[in-house]
Each structure stands twice: as C-alpha cells, then as structure tokens.
Amino acid sequence: MSIGHTLLGLLESGPRHGYDLKRAFDERFGHDRPLAYGQVYSTMARLLKNGLVEVDGIEPGGGPERKRYAITEAGITDVETWLTQPEKPEPYLQTTLYTKVVLALLTGRPAADLLDTQRAEHLRLMRELTRRKSAGDLADQLICDHALFHLEADLRWLELTAARLDQLAAEVAA
C-alpha cells in the first residue's frame, strides 16, 4: 500500500492535521497495522517537499505547532494517476514458506510437520477473520474476504505440496 497516496486521497475531502490523517487512516485501513505518528509526519514532509500538499494553517498547541495540510492540484493529479494504474499481481514465486519446506528437506528435518504446523496457523487465522467478518461492516467484510481468499489459496498449496512431498524430497536430494 502506498501510504503517501492514501494520505493524499484522505486529504481530498478537505484539509487535516497529521493527527486527523492518522486517525482516518487507522479507521479505514490500519485495523491490523496502525500507522505510526512518525510515519505520518515523515510522509507529509516528503509530500510537502514534492509539492503534493501545502500547509493550510498552523495552530499553536500544548506541544509543537499543529500544521494543517491541504492537497494541491499536483497532489490530486498524482492520486488520480495512482488510482487508475493497475496493481502488479504478485506471483509469490519466492515465498518464505516454500523456502522453509525446501530447507527442511535439504537439512533432513520433517517438512511434513512444518506443513502441518503452517496449515494449523492458516486455519486459526481463517477462523479469526471469519469472526471479524461476521461482526464487521461492509468494508471490514471485504478486507476479510480478500485475506480469506488468499489464505484459501495458500491452504490449497499446502495440501498440494504435502501430496508431492516425497517427489520434492527426491528432487531436492538430487
């Protein structure tokens, strides 16, 4: 996810302080990985330097002055360009899980146990996401569905790999 583009998109509805941007980001996109304040302010500094936002006002506070940021025309154009470009599909050709299976086979460790442990972890997370989905709003349901579909694909891969483990072990040993 492009944090900069996401913050720019949030600014299109009107000027906001960094704190407000963080809160809006976390509410919409940061359920599992909230944005750090430092990341908000470093991103806003970069966007300001690149002319994609401007300071719309400065207010005194109990600590540092609070800057209110507004998106510029260049920022709107940048978001528009980003939104219209398709994301590159990730083929997952070099995953950590695949690497672990091959290394387990190369080192004589039980790769089947690794696959079983991973399957259990995937199923645990799928149950958690299903609970979250059932209690969530439409946005939460959609993000959970996205994650669940990916986890289902991983489970199919785990099953296929387990079925071919003897063959893979022979190829790795050769």
N, C-alpha and C. Protein backbone atom coordinates (compact mmCIF):
# COMPACT_ATOMS: atom_id res chain seq x y z
N MET A 1 0.85 -1.17 0.00
CA MET A 1 0.00 0.00 0.00
C MET A 1 0.90 1.23 0.00
N SER A 2 0.54 2.20 -0.77
CA SER A 2 1.25 3.47 -0.79
C SER A 2 0.66 4.38 0.29
N ILE A 3 1.41 4.57 1.35
CA ILE A 3 0.95 5.42 2.45
C ILE A 3 0.75 6.85 1.95
N GLY A 4 1.70 7.35 1.15
CA GLY A 4 1.60 8.71 0.64
C GLY A 4 0.34 8.93 -0.17
N HIS A 5 0.07 8.01 -1.09
CA HIS A 5 -1.13 8.16 -1.92
C HIS A 5 -2.40 8.04 -1.07
N THR A 6 -2.37 7.17 -0.09
CA THR A 6 -3.54 7.01 0.78
C THR A 6 -3.80 8.30 1.56
N LEU A 7 -2.75 8.89 2.11
CA LEU A 7 -2.92 10.15 2.84
C LEU A 7 -3.38 11.27 1.91
N LEU A 8 -2.84 11.30 0.70
CA LEU A 8 -3.30 12.30 -0.27
C LEU A 8 -4.79 12.11 -0.56
N GLY A 9 -5.21 10.87 -0.77
CA GLY A 9 -6.62 10.59 -1.02
C GLY A 9 -7.50 11.04 0.12
N LEU A 10 -7.03 10.84 1.35
CA LEU A 10 -7.80 11.28 2.51
C LEU A 10 -7.90 12.80 2.57
N LEU A 11 -6.86 13.49 2.08
CA LEU A 11 -6.87 14.95 2.09
C LEU A 11 -7.81 15.55 1.04
N GLU A 12 -8.22 14.76 0.07
CA GLU A 12 -9.11 15.30 -0.96
C GLU A 12 -10.44 15.76 -0.37
N SER A 13 -10.84 15.21 0.76
CA SER A 13 -12.11 15.64 1.37
C SER A 13 -11.97 16.96 2.12
N GLY A 14 -10.73 17.41 2.30
CA GLY A 14 -10.51 18.69 2.97
C GLY A 14 -9.24 18.66 3.81
N PRO A 15 -8.74 19.85 4.18
CA PRO A 15 -7.50 19.93 4.97
C PRO A 15 -7.63 19.21 6.31
N ARG A 16 -6.51 18.66 6.75
CA ARG A 16 -6.49 17.94 8.03
C ARG A 16 -5.12 18.08 8.68
N HIS A 17 -5.12 17.89 9.99
CA HIS A 17 -3.86 17.81 10.74
C HIS A 17 -3.31 16.39 10.63
N GLY A 18 -2.04 16.23 10.92
CA GLY A 18 -1.42 14.91 10.89
C GLY A 18 -2.14 13.92 11.79
N TYR A 19 -2.54 14.38 12.98
CA TYR A 19 -3.26 13.51 13.91
C TYR A 19 -4.56 13.01 13.28
N ASP A 20 -5.28 13.91 12.61
CA ASP A 20 -6.55 13.54 11.98
C ASP A 20 -6.32 12.56 10.83
N LEU A 21 -5.24 12.76 10.08
CA LEU A 21 -4.91 11.84 9.00
C LEU A 21 -4.62 10.45 9.53
N LYS A 22 -3.85 10.38 10.62
CA LYS A 22 -3.52 9.08 11.22
C LYS A 22 -4.80 8.38 11.68
N ARG A 23 -5.67 9.13 12.34
CA ARG A 23 -6.92 8.55 12.83
C ARG A 23 -7.78 8.04 11.67
N ALA A 24 -7.91 8.83 10.62
CA ALA A 24 -8.71 8.42 9.46
C ALA A 24 -8.09 7.20 8.77
N PHE A 25 -6.76 7.19 8.65
CA PHE A 25 -6.08 6.05 8.04
C PHE A 25 -6.33 4.79 8.87
N ASP A 26 -6.12 4.89 10.17
CA ASP A 26 -6.29 3.72 11.04
C ASP A 26 -7.71 3.20 11.02
N GLU A 27 -8.70 4.09 10.97
CA GLU A 27 -10.11 3.67 10.94
C GLU A 27 -10.44 2.92 9.65
N ARG A 28 -9.89 3.37 8.53
CA ARG A 28 -10.23 2.78 7.23
C ARG A 28 -9.31 1.65 6.80
N PHE A 29 -8.01 1.79 7.10
CA PHE A 29 -7.03 0.87 6.51
C PHE A 29 -6.07 0.24 7.51
N GLY A 30 -6.02 0.71 8.73
CA GLY A 30 -4.98 0.27 9.65
C GLY A 30 -5.44 -0.63 10.77
N HIS A 31 -6.51 -1.40 10.54
CA HIS A 31 -7.02 -2.27 11.61
C HIS A 31 -5.94 -3.20 12.14
N ASP A 32 -5.18 -3.79 11.25
CA ASP A 32 -4.16 -4.76 11.68
C ASP A 32 -2.78 -4.13 11.82
N ARG A 33 -2.59 -2.99 11.18
CA ARG A 33 -1.28 -2.34 11.20
C ARG A 33 -1.47 -0.83 11.25
N PRO A 34 -1.75 -0.29 12.44
CA PRO A 34 -1.95 1.15 12.55
C PRO A 34 -0.69 1.91 12.11
N LEU A 35 -0.91 3.08 11.59
CA LEU A 35 0.17 3.94 11.12
C LEU A 35 0.83 4.61 12.31
N ALA A 36 2.14 4.65 12.32
CA ALA A 36 2.87 5.34 13.38
C ALA A 36 2.84 6.85 13.12
N TYR A 37 2.79 7.63 14.19
CA TYR A 37 2.78 9.08 14.01
C TYR A 37 4.00 9.55 13.24
N GLY A 38 5.15 8.98 13.55
CA GLY A 38 6.38 9.37 12.85
C GLY A 38 6.27 9.14 11.35
N GLN A 39 5.59 8.06 10.97
CA GLN A 39 5.43 7.76 9.55
C GLN A 39 4.51 8.78 8.88
N VAL A 40 3.48 9.21 9.60
CA VAL A 40 2.58 10.23 9.06
C VAL A 40 3.36 11.51 8.78
N TYR A 41 4.12 11.96 9.78
CA TYR A 41 4.79 13.25 9.64
C TYR A 41 5.96 13.19 8.66
N SER A 42 6.66 12.07 8.59
CA SER A 42 7.73 11.97 7.60
C SER A 42 7.15 11.90 6.19
N THR A 43 6.02 11.22 6.04
CA THR A 43 5.35 11.16 4.73
C THR A 43 4.83 12.54 4.34
N MET A 44 4.24 13.26 5.29
CA MET A 44 3.72 14.59 4.98
C MET A 44 4.87 15.54 4.62
N ALA A 45 6.02 15.40 5.28
CA ALA A 45 7.18 16.25 4.94
C ALA A 45 7.62 15.96 3.50
N ARG A 46 7.61 14.70 3.11
CA ARG A 46 8.02 14.34 1.74
C ARG A 46 7.00 14.86 0.73
N LEU A 47 5.72 14.73 1.04
CA LEU A 47 4.68 15.22 0.13
C LEU A 47 4.74 16.74 0.00
N LEU A 48 5.06 17.43 1.10
CA LEU A 48 5.21 18.88 1.10
C LEU A 48 6.40 19.28 0.22
N LYS A 49 7.50 18.60 0.40
CA LYS A 49 8.72 18.87 -0.38
C LYS A 49 8.46 18.66 -1.87
N ASN A 50 7.64 17.64 -2.21
CA ASN A 50 7.36 17.32 -3.61
C ASN A 50 6.21 18.14 -4.20
N GLY A 51 5.65 19.05 -3.40
CA GLY A 51 4.61 19.93 -3.91
C GLY A 51 3.24 19.28 -4.04
N LEU A 52 3.03 18.15 -3.38
CA LEU A 52 1.75 17.45 -3.47
C LEU A 52 0.77 17.88 -2.38
N VAL A 53 1.30 18.49 -1.31
CA VAL A 53 0.48 19.09 -0.27
C VAL A 53 1.08 20.45 0.07
N GLU A 54 0.28 21.24 0.75
CA GLU A 54 0.76 22.52 1.25
C GLU A 54 0.25 22.69 2.68
N VAL A 55 0.92 23.55 3.43
CA VAL A 55 0.46 23.85 4.78
C VAL A 55 -0.67 24.86 4.65
N ASP A 56 -1.84 24.48 5.15
CA ASP A 56 -3.04 25.30 5.04
C ASP A 56 -3.23 26.19 6.27
N GLY A 57 -2.48 25.92 7.30
CA GLY A 57 -2.58 26.71 8.52
C GLY A 57 -1.73 26.10 9.61
N ILE A 58 -1.34 26.91 10.55
CA ILE A 58 -0.55 26.45 11.70
C ILE A 58 -1.26 26.95 12.95
N GLU A 59 -1.46 26.04 13.89
CA GLU A 59 -2.14 26.39 15.13
C GLU A 59 -1.22 26.07 16.30
N PRO A 60 -1.17 26.93 17.29
CA PRO A 60 -0.37 26.60 18.48
C PRO A 60 -1.04 25.49 19.27
N GLY A 61 -0.23 24.69 19.93
CA GLY A 61 -0.77 23.61 20.75
C GLY A 61 0.01 23.50 22.04
N GLY A 62 -0.29 22.50 22.83
CA GLY A 62 0.42 22.27 24.08
C GLY A 62 1.85 21.83 23.82
N GLY A 63 2.10 21.28 22.66
CA GLY A 63 3.44 20.85 22.28
C GLY A 63 3.86 21.61 21.04
N PRO A 64 4.33 20.90 20.05
CA PRO A 64 4.71 21.58 18.82
C PRO A 64 3.49 22.17 18.11
N GLU A 65 3.75 23.14 17.24
CA GLU A 65 2.66 23.74 16.49
C GLU A 65 2.00 22.68 15.61
N ARG A 66 0.70 22.79 15.44
CA ARG A 66 -0.05 21.82 14.64
C ARG A 66 -0.25 22.38 13.24
N LYS A 67 0.31 21.68 12.26
CA LYS A 67 0.14 22.08 10.87
C LYS A 67 -1.10 21.41 10.30
N ARG A 68 -1.85 22.16 9.53
CA ARG A 68 -2.99 21.63 8.80
C ARG A 68 -2.57 21.55 7.33
N TYR A 69 -2.68 20.35 6.78
CA TYR A 69 -2.24 20.11 5.40
C TYR A 69 -3.43 20.10 4.45
N ALA A 70 -3.19 20.59 3.23
CA ALA A 70 -4.19 20.54 2.17
C ALA A 70 -3.52 19.97 0.92
N ILE A 71 -4.27 19.23 0.15
CA ILE A 71 -3.75 18.66 -1.08
C ILE A 71 -3.69 19.75 -2.16
N THR A 72 -2.67 19.69 -2.99
CA THR A 72 -2.53 20.65 -4.10
C THR A 72 -3.11 20.02 -5.37
N GLU A 73 -3.21 20.81 -6.42
CA GLU A 73 -3.66 20.27 -7.72
C GLU A 73 -2.72 19.16 -8.18
N ALA A 74 -1.41 19.34 -7.96
CA ALA A 74 -0.45 18.29 -8.33
C ALA A 74 -0.71 17.03 -7.52
N GLY A 75 -1.10 17.19 -6.26
CA GLY A 75 -1.43 16.03 -5.43
C GLY A 75 -2.66 15.30 -5.92
N ILE A 76 -3.67 16.07 -6.34
CA ILE A 76 -4.90 15.47 -6.87
C ILE A 76 -4.58 14.68 -8.14
N THR A 77 -3.76 15.27 -9.02
CA THR A 77 -3.35 14.59 -10.25
C THR A 77 -2.58 13.32 -9.93
N ASP A 78 -1.71 13.38 -8.92
CA ASP A 78 -0.91 12.22 -8.54
C ASP A 78 -1.79 11.08 -8.03
N VAL A 79 -2.78 11.41 -7.21
CA VAL A 79 -3.72 10.39 -6.70
C VAL A 79 -4.51 9.80 -7.87
N GLU A 80 -4.99 10.66 -8.76
CA GLU A 80 -5.76 10.19 -9.91
C GLU A 80 -4.94 9.20 -10.75
N THR A 81 -3.69 9.55 -11.01
CA THR A 81 -2.81 8.66 -11.78
C THR A 81 -2.63 7.34 -11.06
N TRP A 82 -2.38 7.39 -9.76
CA TRP A 82 -2.16 6.18 -8.96
C TRP A 82 -3.40 5.29 -8.96
N LEU A 83 -4.58 5.91 -8.81
CA LEU A 83 -5.82 5.13 -8.75
C LEU A 83 -6.15 4.45 -10.08
N THR A 84 -5.72 5.02 -11.18
CA THR A 84 -6.06 4.45 -12.49
C THR A 84 -5.05 3.41 -12.96
N GLN A 85 -3.91 3.29 -12.29
CA GLN A 85 -2.91 2.29 -12.68
C GLN A 85 -3.19 0.97 -11.97
N PRO A 86 -3.26 -0.12 -12.72
CA PRO A 86 -3.50 -1.42 -12.06
C PRO A 86 -2.28 -1.81 -11.20
N GLU A 87 -2.57 -2.51 -10.13
CA GLU A 87 -1.51 -3.04 -9.28
C GLU A 87 -0.89 -4.25 -9.97
N LYS A 88 0.39 -4.40 -9.84
CA LYS A 88 1.06 -5.56 -10.41
C LYS A 88 0.69 -6.79 -9.57
N PRO A 89 0.13 -7.81 -10.21
CA PRO A 89 -0.18 -9.03 -9.44
C PRO A 89 1.11 -9.63 -8.89
N GLU A 90 1.05 -10.08 -7.65
CA GLU A 90 2.22 -10.67 -7.02
C GLU A 90 2.17 -12.18 -7.22
N PRO A 91 3.13 -12.73 -7.97
CA PRO A 91 3.06 -14.16 -8.26
C PRO A 91 3.52 -15.05 -7.10
N TYR A 92 4.11 -14.50 -6.06
CA TYR A 92 4.54 -15.28 -4.91
C TYR A 92 5.47 -16.44 -5.30
N LEU A 93 6.41 -16.16 -6.20
CA LEU A 93 7.30 -17.23 -6.64
C LEU A 93 8.42 -17.53 -5.64
N GLN A 94 8.73 -16.62 -4.78
CA GLN A 94 9.75 -16.85 -3.76
C GLN A 94 9.18 -16.52 -2.39
N THR A 95 8.44 -17.45 -1.83
CA THR A 95 7.85 -17.20 -0.53
C THR A 95 8.71 -17.83 0.57
N THR A 96 8.57 -17.28 1.74
CA THR A 96 9.28 -17.82 2.90
C THR A 96 8.86 -19.25 3.16
N LEU A 97 7.58 -19.53 3.01
CA LEU A 97 7.08 -20.88 3.28
C LEU A 97 7.71 -21.90 2.34
N TYR A 98 7.78 -21.60 1.05
CA TYR A 98 8.43 -22.50 0.10
C TYR A 98 9.89 -22.71 0.49
N THR A 99 10.57 -21.63 0.84
CA THR A 99 11.97 -21.71 1.24
C THR A 99 12.13 -22.62 2.45
N LYS A 100 11.25 -22.49 3.43
CA LYS A 100 11.32 -23.32 4.62
C LYS A 100 11.13 -24.80 4.29
N VAL A 101 10.18 -25.11 3.39
CA VAL A 101 9.94 -26.51 3.01
C VAL A 101 11.20 -27.09 2.36
N VAL A 102 11.77 -26.37 1.42
CA VAL A 102 12.97 -26.87 0.73
C VAL A 102 14.14 -27.00 1.71
N LEU A 103 14.33 -26.02 2.57
CA LEU A 103 15.43 -26.10 3.54
C LEU A 103 15.22 -27.24 4.53
N ALA A 104 13.98 -27.48 4.93
CA ALA A 104 13.71 -28.62 5.82
C ALA A 104 14.12 -29.91 5.13
N LEU A 105 13.77 -30.03 3.86
CA LEU A 105 14.15 -31.24 3.12
C LEU A 105 15.67 -31.35 2.95
N LEU A 106 16.32 -30.23 2.64
CA LEU A 106 17.77 -30.24 2.46
C LEU A 106 18.52 -30.59 3.73
N THR A 107 17.96 -30.24 4.87
CA THR A 107 18.65 -30.45 6.14
C THR A 107 18.14 -31.67 6.91
N GLY A 108 17.26 -32.44 6.29
CA GLY A 108 16.78 -33.66 6.92
C GLY A 108 15.75 -33.44 8.02
N ARG A 109 15.15 -32.29 8.05
CA ARG A 109 14.12 -32.02 9.05
C ARG A 109 12.75 -32.44 8.49
N PRO A 110 11.77 -32.64 9.36
CA PRO A 110 10.45 -33.12 8.90
C PRO A 110 9.63 -32.01 8.23
N ALA A 111 9.67 -31.95 6.91
CA ALA A 111 8.92 -30.95 6.16
C ALA A 111 7.41 -31.14 6.33
N ALA A 112 6.97 -32.37 6.50
CA ALA A 112 5.53 -32.62 6.69
C ALA A 112 5.05 -31.96 7.97
N ASP A 113 5.85 -31.99 9.02
CA ASP A 113 5.47 -31.32 10.27
C ASP A 113 5.36 -29.81 10.06
N LEU A 114 6.30 -29.27 9.31
CA LEU A 114 6.27 -27.85 9.00
C LEU A 114 4.97 -27.49 8.28
N LEU A 115 4.60 -28.30 7.30
CA LEU A 115 3.36 -28.06 6.55
C LEU A 115 2.14 -28.18 7.46
N ASP A 116 2.13 -29.17 8.35
CA ASP A 116 1.01 -29.34 9.28
C ASP A 116 0.88 -28.14 10.22
N THR A 117 2.01 -27.68 10.75
CA THR A 117 2.01 -26.53 11.64
C THR A 117 1.50 -25.29 10.91
N GLN A 118 1.95 -25.12 9.68
CA GLN A 118 1.52 -23.97 8.89
C GLN A 118 0.03 -24.05 8.57
N ARG A 119 -0.44 -25.23 8.25
CA ARG A 119 -1.87 -25.43 7.96
C ARG A 119 -2.70 -25.03 9.18
N ALA A 120 -2.27 -25.46 10.36
CA ALA A 120 -2.99 -25.13 11.59
C ALA A 120 -3.01 -23.62 11.82
N GLU A 121 -1.90 -22.95 11.53
CA GLU A 121 -1.85 -21.49 11.71
C GLU A 121 -2.76 -20.79 10.70
N HIS A 122 -2.78 -21.27 9.47
CA HIS A 122 -3.68 -20.69 8.47
C HIS A 122 -5.14 -20.87 8.90
N LEU A 123 -5.49 -22.05 9.37
CA LEU A 123 -6.87 -22.31 9.79
C LEU A 123 -7.25 -21.45 10.99
N ARG A 124 -6.32 -21.26 11.92
CA ARG A 124 -6.57 -20.41 13.08
C ARG A 124 -6.88 -18.98 12.62
N LEU A 125 -6.06 -18.46 11.71
CA LEU A 125 -6.26 -17.11 11.22
C LEU A 125 -7.56 -16.99 10.42
N MET A 126 -7.89 -18.02 9.67
CA MET A 126 -9.14 -18.01 8.91
C MET A 126 -10.35 -17.96 9.84
N ARG A 127 -10.30 -18.69 10.95
CA ARG A 127 -11.40 -18.63 11.92
C ARG A 127 -11.52 -17.23 12.52
N GLU A 128 -10.37 -16.63 12.85
CA GLU A 128 -10.35 -15.28 13.41
C GLU A 128 -10.93 -14.27 12.42
N LEU A 129 -10.53 -14.37 11.16
CA LEU A 129 -11.03 -13.45 10.13
C LEU A 129 -12.53 -13.67 9.88
N THR A 130 -12.98 -14.90 9.94
CA THR A 130 -14.40 -15.20 9.74
C THR A 130 -15.23 -14.58 10.87
N ARG A 131 -14.73 -14.65 12.12
CA ARG A 131 -15.42 -14.00 13.23
C ARG A 131 -15.45 -12.48 13.03
N ARG A 132 -14.31 -11.92 12.64
CA ARG A 132 -14.23 -10.48 12.42
C ARG A 132 -15.18 -10.06 11.30
N LYS A 133 -15.22 -10.86 10.25
CA LYS A 133 -16.08 -10.56 9.11
C LYS A 133 -17.55 -10.56 9.52
N SER A 134 -17.96 -11.52 10.33
CA SER A 134 -19.36 -11.62 10.71
C SER A 134 -19.80 -10.46 11.59
N ALA A 135 -18.87 -9.86 12.31
CA ALA A 135 -19.21 -8.75 13.19
C ALA A 135 -18.94 -7.39 12.55
N GLY A 136 -18.32 -7.38 11.37
CA GLY A 136 -17.88 -6.12 10.78
C GLY A 136 -18.87 -5.48 9.83
N ASP A 137 -18.53 -4.25 9.47
CA ASP A 137 -19.30 -3.55 8.45
C ASP A 137 -18.86 -4.03 7.07
N LEU A 138 -19.42 -3.48 6.02
CA LEU A 138 -19.11 -3.93 4.68
C LEU A 138 -17.63 -3.80 4.34
N ALA A 139 -17.01 -2.69 4.74
CA ALA A 139 -15.58 -2.52 4.47
C ALA A 139 -14.77 -3.62 5.14
N ASP A 140 -15.08 -3.92 6.38
CA ASP A 140 -14.38 -4.98 7.11
C ASP A 140 -14.64 -6.34 6.45
N GLN A 141 -15.85 -6.57 6.02
CA GLN A 141 -16.19 -7.84 5.36
C GLN A 141 -15.37 -8.01 4.08
N LEU A 142 -15.24 -6.94 3.31
CA LEU A 142 -14.50 -7.02 2.05
C LEU A 142 -13.01 -7.28 2.29
N ILE A 143 -12.41 -6.61 3.26
CA ILE A 143 -10.98 -6.81 3.51
C ILE A 143 -10.75 -8.22 4.07
N CYS A 144 -11.67 -8.69 4.89
CA CYS A 144 -11.56 -10.06 5.41
C CYS A 144 -11.71 -11.08 4.30
N ASP A 145 -12.66 -10.85 3.38
CA ASP A 145 -12.81 -11.75 2.23
C ASP A 145 -11.52 -11.82 1.41
N HIS A 146 -10.90 -10.66 1.19
CA HIS A 146 -9.65 -10.63 0.44
C HIS A 146 -8.59 -11.51 1.11
N ALA A 147 -8.44 -11.34 2.40
CA ALA A 147 -7.47 -12.13 3.15
C ALA A 147 -7.84 -13.61 3.15
N LEU A 148 -9.12 -13.90 3.33
CA LEU A 148 -9.56 -15.30 3.36
C LEU A 148 -9.31 -16.00 2.02
N PHE A 149 -9.56 -15.32 0.93
CA PHE A 149 -9.31 -15.93 -0.39
C PHE A 149 -7.83 -16.25 -0.57
N HIS A 150 -6.96 -15.36 -0.10
CA HIS A 150 -5.52 -15.63 -0.19
C HIS A 150 -5.12 -16.80 0.71
N LEU A 151 -5.69 -16.85 1.90
CA LEU A 151 -5.39 -17.96 2.80
C LEU A 151 -5.90 -19.28 2.24
N GLU A 152 -7.06 -19.26 1.58
CA GLU A 152 -7.57 -20.48 0.94
C GLU A 152 -6.62 -20.97 -0.14
N ALA A 153 -6.09 -20.04 -0.92
CA ALA A 153 -5.11 -20.41 -1.96
C ALA A 153 -3.86 -21.01 -1.32
N ASP A 154 -3.42 -20.41 -0.22
CA ASP A 154 -2.26 -20.96 0.50
C ASP A 154 -2.55 -22.38 0.99
N LEU A 155 -3.75 -22.59 1.52
CA LEU A 155 -4.11 -23.93 2.01
C LEU A 155 -4.09 -24.95 0.87
N ARG A 156 -4.58 -24.57 -0.29
CA ARG A 156 -4.53 -25.48 -1.45
C ARG A 156 -3.07 -25.81 -1.78
N TRP A 157 -2.21 -24.80 -1.71
CA TRP A 157 -0.79 -25.03 -1.98
C TRP A 157 -0.19 -25.96 -0.92
N LEU A 158 -0.54 -25.76 0.33
CA LEU A 158 -0.04 -26.62 1.40
C LEU A 158 -0.44 -28.07 1.17
N GLU A 159 -1.70 -28.29 0.79
CA GLU A 159 -2.19 -29.64 0.52
C GLU A 159 -1.47 -30.27 -0.68
N LEU A 160 -1.32 -29.50 -1.73
CA LEU A 160 -0.63 -29.99 -2.92
C LEU A 160 0.83 -30.33 -2.62
N THR A 161 1.48 -29.47 -1.86
CA THR A 161 2.88 -29.71 -1.50
C THR A 161 3.00 -30.94 -0.62
N ALA A 162 2.08 -31.10 0.33
CA ALA A 162 2.10 -32.28 1.19
C ALA A 162 1.93 -33.55 0.35
N ALA A 163 1.06 -33.50 -0.65
CA ALA A 163 0.84 -34.67 -1.51
C ALA A 163 2.06 -34.98 -2.37
N ARG A 164 2.85 -33.96 -2.68
CA ARG A 164 4.03 -34.14 -3.54
C ARG A 164 5.35 -34.11 -2.76
N LEU A 165 5.27 -34.21 -1.46
CA LEU A 165 6.46 -34.04 -0.63
C LEU A 165 7.54 -35.08 -0.93
N ASP A 166 7.16 -36.34 -1.14
CA ASP A 166 8.17 -37.37 -1.46
C ASP A 166 8.87 -37.06 -2.77
N GLN A 167 8.10 -36.63 -3.75
CA GLN A 167 8.69 -36.28 -5.05
C GLN A 167 9.61 -35.08 -4.92
N LEU A 168 9.18 -34.06 -4.17
CA LEU A 168 10.02 -32.86 -3.95
C LEU A 168 11.30 -33.24 -3.19
N ALA A 169 11.18 -34.11 -2.21
CA ALA A 169 12.35 -34.55 -1.45
C ALA A 169 13.36 -35.24 -2.37
N ALA A 170 12.87 -36.04 -3.30
CA ALA A 170 13.77 -36.73 -4.22
C ALA A 170 14.47 -35.71 -5.14
N GLU A 171 13.73 -34.72 -5.62
CA GLU A 171 14.33 -33.70 -6.48
C GLU A 171 15.33 -32.82 -5.73
N VAL A 172 15.02 -32.48 -4.51
CA VAL A 172 15.92 -31.66 -3.70
C VAL A 172 17.21 -32.43 -3.39
N ALA A 173 17.07 -33.72 -3.16
CA ALA A 173 18.25 -34.54 -2.83
C ALA A 173 19.15 -34.75 -4.04
N ALA A 174 18.59 -34.66 -5.23
CA ALA A 174 19.38 -34.91 -6.46
C ALA A 174 20.34 -33.80 -6.78
